[in-house]
Amino acid sequence: RLGETSIIQNLAISPIELKEDSRCPVDVTCIQAGTVRVSVKVASSKEVKETLLALGESVELDTMKIKFIAVTPVPIAQNKVSSSAYEFIFEIRKQP
């Protein structure tokens, strides 16, 4: 969630600010799917990096690759989502 820090495999991930949520609501037919972009701070014992990630994008830090893979809730037409309701899901992999 925004403002919260998760520590996984000695790596801290903090979603800072929701920059965009242009995803198509599930109850609407859209020409484009849209995306979500979030400003994220990632930190290891050696390095700190702040970056803007869109769904499906990744950032590398030390020997780790952090990929933004999902976000909830799904948008529904006529329902405004509070920024505090968003949950961001990241995949972390060690680079070879």
N, C-alpha and C. Protein backbone atom coordinates (compact mmCIF):
# COMPACT_ATOMS: atom_id res chain seq x y z
N ARG A 1 0.84 -1.18 0.00
CA ARG A 1 0.00 0.00 0.00
C ARG A 1 0.89 1.26 0.00
N LEU A 2 0.30 2.36 -0.43
CA LEU A 2 1.04 3.61 -0.44
C LEU A 2 1.51 3.95 0.97
N GLY A 3 2.77 4.36 1.07
CA GLY A 3 3.33 4.76 2.36
C GLY A 3 3.78 3.62 3.24
N GLU A 4 3.54 2.39 2.84
CA GLU A 4 3.98 1.24 3.62
C GLU A 4 5.25 0.66 3.01
N THR A 5 6.07 0.03 3.84
CA THR A 5 7.30 -0.60 3.37
C THR A 5 7.22 -2.09 3.62
N SER A 6 7.55 -2.87 2.58
CA SER A 6 7.64 -4.32 2.70
C SER A 6 9.10 -4.71 2.56
N ILE A 7 9.55 -5.61 3.42
CA ILE A 7 10.94 -6.07 3.36
C ILE A 7 10.93 -7.53 2.97
N ILE A 8 11.56 -7.82 1.84
CA ILE A 8 11.61 -9.17 1.29
C ILE A 8 13.03 -9.42 0.80
N GLN A 9 13.61 -10.51 1.22
CA GLN A 9 14.96 -10.89 0.79
C GLN A 9 15.95 -9.74 0.96
N ASN A 10 15.94 -9.07 2.12
CA ASN A 10 16.83 -7.95 2.44
C ASN A 10 16.64 -6.76 1.51
N LEU A 11 15.46 -6.64 0.94
CA LEU A 11 15.14 -5.56 0.02
C LEU A 11 13.88 -4.87 0.53
N ALA A 12 13.92 -3.55 0.66
CA ALA A 12 12.76 -2.78 1.11
C ALA A 12 12.09 -2.12 -0.10
N ILE A 13 10.77 -2.29 -0.18
CA ILE A 13 9.99 -1.72 -1.28
C ILE A 13 8.91 -0.83 -0.68
N SER A 14 8.87 0.43 -1.13
CA SER A 14 7.90 1.39 -0.62
C SER A 14 7.20 2.10 -1.76
N PRO A 15 5.92 1.78 -2.03
CA PRO A 15 5.16 2.57 -3.00
C PRO A 15 4.93 3.95 -2.40
N ILE A 16 5.32 5.00 -3.13
CA ILE A 16 5.28 6.35 -2.61
C ILE A 16 4.04 7.12 -3.06
N GLU A 17 3.79 7.09 -4.38
CA GLU A 17 2.69 7.89 -4.91
C GLU A 17 2.10 7.24 -6.16
N LEU A 18 0.79 7.18 -6.21
CA LEU A 18 0.09 6.71 -7.40
C LEU A 18 0.10 7.85 -8.40
N LYS A 19 0.72 7.62 -9.55
CA LYS A 19 0.84 8.66 -10.57
C LYS A 19 -0.26 8.56 -11.61
N GLU A 20 -0.73 7.33 -11.89
CA GLU A 20 -1.74 7.14 -12.93
C GLU A 20 -2.47 5.82 -12.72
N ASP A 21 -3.77 5.85 -12.94
CA ASP A 21 -4.55 4.63 -13.05
C ASP A 21 -5.53 4.84 -14.20
N SER A 22 -5.12 4.41 -15.37
CA SER A 22 -5.94 4.58 -16.57
C SER A 22 -6.51 3.25 -17.05
N ARG A 23 -6.56 2.25 -16.14
CA ARG A 23 -7.08 0.94 -16.52
C ARG A 23 -8.56 1.04 -16.89
N CYS A 24 -8.97 0.21 -17.80
CA CYS A 24 -10.36 0.16 -18.23
C CYS A 24 -11.20 -0.50 -17.14
N PRO A 25 -12.29 0.12 -16.70
CA PRO A 25 -13.17 -0.53 -15.71
C PRO A 25 -13.68 -1.88 -16.24
N VAL A 26 -13.86 -2.84 -15.34
CA VAL A 26 -14.27 -4.19 -15.73
C VAL A 26 -15.67 -4.23 -16.33
N ASP A 27 -16.48 -3.23 -16.05
CA ASP A 27 -17.85 -3.22 -16.56
C ASP A 27 -18.03 -2.27 -17.76
N VAL A 28 -16.93 -1.96 -18.44
CA VAL A 28 -16.94 -1.06 -19.60
C VAL A 28 -16.11 -1.69 -20.70
N THR A 29 -16.48 -1.45 -21.95
CA THR A 29 -15.67 -1.89 -23.09
C THR A 29 -14.80 -0.71 -23.53
N CYS A 30 -13.49 -0.92 -23.53
CA CYS A 30 -12.55 0.15 -23.86
C CYS A 30 -11.71 -0.22 -25.08
N ILE A 31 -11.22 0.79 -25.77
CA ILE A 31 -10.33 0.58 -26.92
C ILE A 31 -8.94 0.19 -26.43
N GLN A 32 -8.49 0.80 -25.32
CA GLN A 32 -7.18 0.50 -24.75
C GLN A 32 -7.35 -0.02 -23.32
N ALA A 33 -6.44 -0.87 -22.91
CA ALA A 33 -6.51 -1.45 -21.57
C ALA A 33 -6.11 -0.46 -20.48
N GLY A 34 -5.20 0.45 -20.80
CA GLY A 34 -4.69 1.40 -19.81
C GLY A 34 -3.62 0.78 -18.94
N THR A 35 -3.16 1.53 -17.94
CA THR A 35 -2.10 1.04 -17.07
C THR A 35 -2.18 1.73 -15.71
N VAL A 36 -1.32 1.30 -14.82
CA VAL A 36 -1.13 1.94 -13.52
C VAL A 36 0.34 2.28 -13.43
N ARG A 37 0.64 3.49 -12.99
CA ARG A 37 2.03 3.90 -12.76
C ARG A 37 2.15 4.36 -11.31
N VAL A 38 3.18 3.88 -10.64
CA VAL A 38 3.39 4.22 -9.24
C VAL A 38 4.87 4.57 -9.02
N SER A 39 5.09 5.58 -8.22
CA SER A 39 6.43 5.96 -7.82
C SER A 39 6.82 5.04 -6.66
N VAL A 40 8.00 4.42 -6.78
CA VAL A 40 8.43 3.40 -5.82
C VAL A 40 9.86 3.69 -5.36
N LYS A 41 10.10 3.46 -4.08
CA LYS A 41 11.46 3.53 -3.54
C LYS A 41 11.88 2.12 -3.17
N VAL A 42 13.02 1.68 -3.70
CA VAL A 42 13.55 0.36 -3.37
C VAL A 42 14.92 0.56 -2.74
N ALA A 43 15.21 -0.21 -1.71
CA ALA A 43 16.48 -0.04 -1.01
C ALA A 43 17.04 -1.39 -0.59
N SER A 44 18.35 -1.49 -0.73
CA SER A 44 19.08 -2.65 -0.23
C SER A 44 20.11 -2.10 0.75
N SER A 45 20.97 -2.97 1.26
CA SER A 45 22.01 -2.50 2.18
C SER A 45 23.06 -1.67 1.45
N LYS A 46 23.12 -1.77 0.12
CA LYS A 46 24.13 -1.07 -0.66
C LYS A 46 23.62 0.12 -1.46
N GLU A 47 22.31 0.13 -1.76
CA GLU A 47 21.82 1.11 -2.73
C GLU A 47 20.35 1.47 -2.45
N VAL A 48 19.99 2.72 -2.77
CA VAL A 48 18.61 3.17 -2.69
C VAL A 48 18.27 3.78 -4.04
N LYS A 49 17.09 3.43 -4.56
CA LYS A 49 16.68 3.93 -5.87
C LYS A 49 15.21 4.30 -5.81
N GLU A 50 14.87 5.45 -6.37
CA GLU A 50 13.48 5.85 -6.51
C GLU A 50 13.17 5.90 -8.00
N THR A 51 12.05 5.27 -8.39
CA THR A 51 11.73 5.17 -9.81
C THR A 51 10.22 5.16 -10.01
N LEU A 52 9.81 5.37 -11.25
CA LEU A 52 8.41 5.31 -11.63
C LEU A 52 8.21 4.03 -12.42
N LEU A 53 7.31 3.16 -11.96
CA LEU A 53 7.07 1.89 -12.63
C LEU A 53 5.63 1.80 -13.11
N ALA A 54 5.45 1.33 -14.34
CA ALA A 54 4.13 1.00 -14.87
C ALA A 54 3.95 -0.51 -14.73
N LEU A 55 2.72 -0.97 -14.75
CA LEU A 55 2.46 -2.41 -14.69
C LEU A 55 3.31 -3.14 -15.71
N GLY A 56 3.97 -4.19 -15.29
CA GLY A 56 4.81 -4.99 -16.19
C GLY A 56 6.25 -4.52 -16.27
N GLU A 57 6.55 -3.34 -15.77
CA GLU A 57 7.93 -2.84 -15.82
C GLU A 57 8.72 -3.30 -14.60
N SER A 58 10.04 -3.23 -14.72
CA SER A 58 10.89 -3.66 -13.62
C SER A 58 12.05 -2.70 -13.42
N VAL A 59 12.67 -2.83 -12.26
CA VAL A 59 13.85 -2.06 -11.92
C VAL A 59 14.86 -3.03 -11.31
N GLU A 60 16.14 -2.78 -11.54
CA GLU A 60 17.19 -3.64 -10.98
C GLU A 60 17.91 -2.90 -9.87
N LEU A 61 18.20 -3.62 -8.80
CA LEU A 61 18.91 -3.06 -7.66
C LEU A 61 19.84 -4.14 -7.13
N ASP A 62 21.13 -3.83 -7.09
CA ASP A 62 22.14 -4.82 -6.73
C ASP A 62 21.98 -6.04 -7.65
N THR A 63 21.74 -7.20 -7.07
CA THR A 63 21.59 -8.41 -7.87
C THR A 63 20.13 -8.83 -7.99
N MET A 64 19.20 -7.92 -7.65
CA MET A 64 17.78 -8.25 -7.64
C MET A 64 17.03 -7.50 -8.75
N LYS A 65 15.99 -8.15 -9.26
CA LYS A 65 15.10 -7.53 -10.24
C LYS A 65 13.71 -7.47 -9.62
N ILE A 66 13.14 -6.25 -9.55
CA ILE A 66 11.83 -6.02 -8.95
C ILE A 66 10.88 -5.66 -10.06
N LYS A 67 9.82 -6.47 -10.25
CA LYS A 67 8.86 -6.25 -11.33
C LYS A 67 7.49 -5.95 -10.73
N PHE A 68 6.84 -4.91 -11.24
CA PHE A 68 5.49 -4.51 -10.83
C PHE A 68 4.52 -5.39 -11.61
N ILE A 69 3.88 -6.37 -10.93
CA ILE A 69 3.08 -7.36 -11.66
C ILE A 69 1.57 -7.22 -11.52
N ALA A 70 1.09 -6.54 -10.46
CA ALA A 70 -0.37 -6.45 -10.29
C ALA A 70 -0.73 -5.34 -9.32
N VAL A 71 -2.00 -4.94 -9.41
CA VAL A 71 -2.54 -3.93 -8.49
C VAL A 71 -4.02 -4.24 -8.26
N THR A 72 -4.47 -4.01 -7.03
CA THR A 72 -5.88 -4.13 -6.71
C THR A 72 -6.32 -2.85 -6.02
N PRO A 73 -7.57 -2.51 -6.04
CA PRO A 73 -8.70 -3.22 -6.63
C PRO A 73 -8.80 -2.95 -8.13
N VAL A 74 -9.61 -3.77 -8.81
CA VAL A 74 -9.86 -3.52 -10.22
C VAL A 74 -10.85 -2.36 -10.32
N PRO A 75 -10.69 -1.50 -11.33
CA PRO A 75 -11.61 -0.37 -11.45
C PRO A 75 -13.01 -0.79 -11.91
N ILE A 76 -14.00 -0.12 -11.37
CA ILE A 76 -15.40 -0.30 -11.75
C ILE A 76 -15.94 1.09 -12.08
N ALA A 77 -16.65 1.20 -13.19
CA ALA A 77 -17.20 2.49 -13.59
C ALA A 77 -18.05 3.07 -12.46
N GLN A 78 -17.99 4.36 -12.30
CA GLN A 78 -18.76 5.11 -11.29
C GLN A 78 -18.26 4.91 -9.86
N ASN A 79 -17.23 4.09 -9.63
CA ASN A 79 -16.68 3.90 -8.29
C ASN A 79 -15.28 4.51 -8.24
N LYS A 80 -15.13 5.59 -7.51
CA LYS A 80 -13.81 6.19 -7.34
C LYS A 80 -13.06 5.42 -6.26
N VAL A 81 -11.83 5.04 -6.56
CA VAL A 81 -11.01 4.29 -5.62
C VAL A 81 -10.14 5.25 -4.83
N SER A 82 -10.18 5.15 -3.53
CA SER A 82 -9.32 5.96 -2.67
C SER A 82 -7.88 5.47 -2.82
N SER A 83 -6.93 6.38 -2.81
CA SER A 83 -5.53 5.98 -2.97
C SER A 83 -5.09 5.04 -1.85
N SER A 84 -5.71 5.11 -0.68
CA SER A 84 -5.35 4.22 0.42
C SER A 84 -5.85 2.78 0.20
N ALA A 85 -6.76 2.58 -0.75
CA ALA A 85 -7.29 1.24 -1.02
C ALA A 85 -6.40 0.42 -1.96
N TYR A 86 -5.49 1.07 -2.65
CA TYR A 86 -4.64 0.37 -3.62
C TYR A 86 -3.64 -0.56 -2.93
N GLU A 87 -3.47 -1.74 -3.49
CA GLU A 87 -2.43 -2.67 -3.07
C GLU A 87 -1.60 -3.01 -4.30
N PHE A 88 -0.29 -2.89 -4.17
CA PHE A 88 0.63 -3.11 -5.28
C PHE A 88 1.38 -4.42 -5.04
N ILE A 89 1.53 -5.21 -6.10
CA ILE A 89 2.18 -6.51 -5.99
C ILE A 89 3.43 -6.52 -6.87
N PHE A 90 4.54 -6.91 -6.26
CA PHE A 90 5.82 -6.94 -6.95
C PHE A 90 6.40 -8.34 -6.92
N GLU A 91 7.11 -8.69 -7.97
CA GLU A 91 7.83 -9.96 -8.04
C GLU A 91 9.31 -9.63 -7.89
N ILE A 92 10.00 -10.39 -7.04
CA ILE A 92 11.43 -10.16 -6.81
C ILE A 92 12.19 -11.40 -7.21
N ARG A 93 13.19 -11.19 -8.06
CA ARG A 93 14.04 -12.32 -8.49
C ARG A 93 15.50 -11.94 -8.39
N LYS A 94 16.28 -12.91 -8.02
CA LYS A 94 17.73 -12.72 -7.99
C LYS A 94 18.26 -12.85 -9.40
N GLN A 95 19.07 -11.90 -9.80
CA GLN A 95 19.68 -11.93 -11.13
C GLN A 95 20.81 -12.95 -11.16
N PRO A 96 20.98 -13.64 -12.27
CA PRO A 96 22.07 -14.63 -12.35
C PRO A 96 23.44 -13.96 -12.38
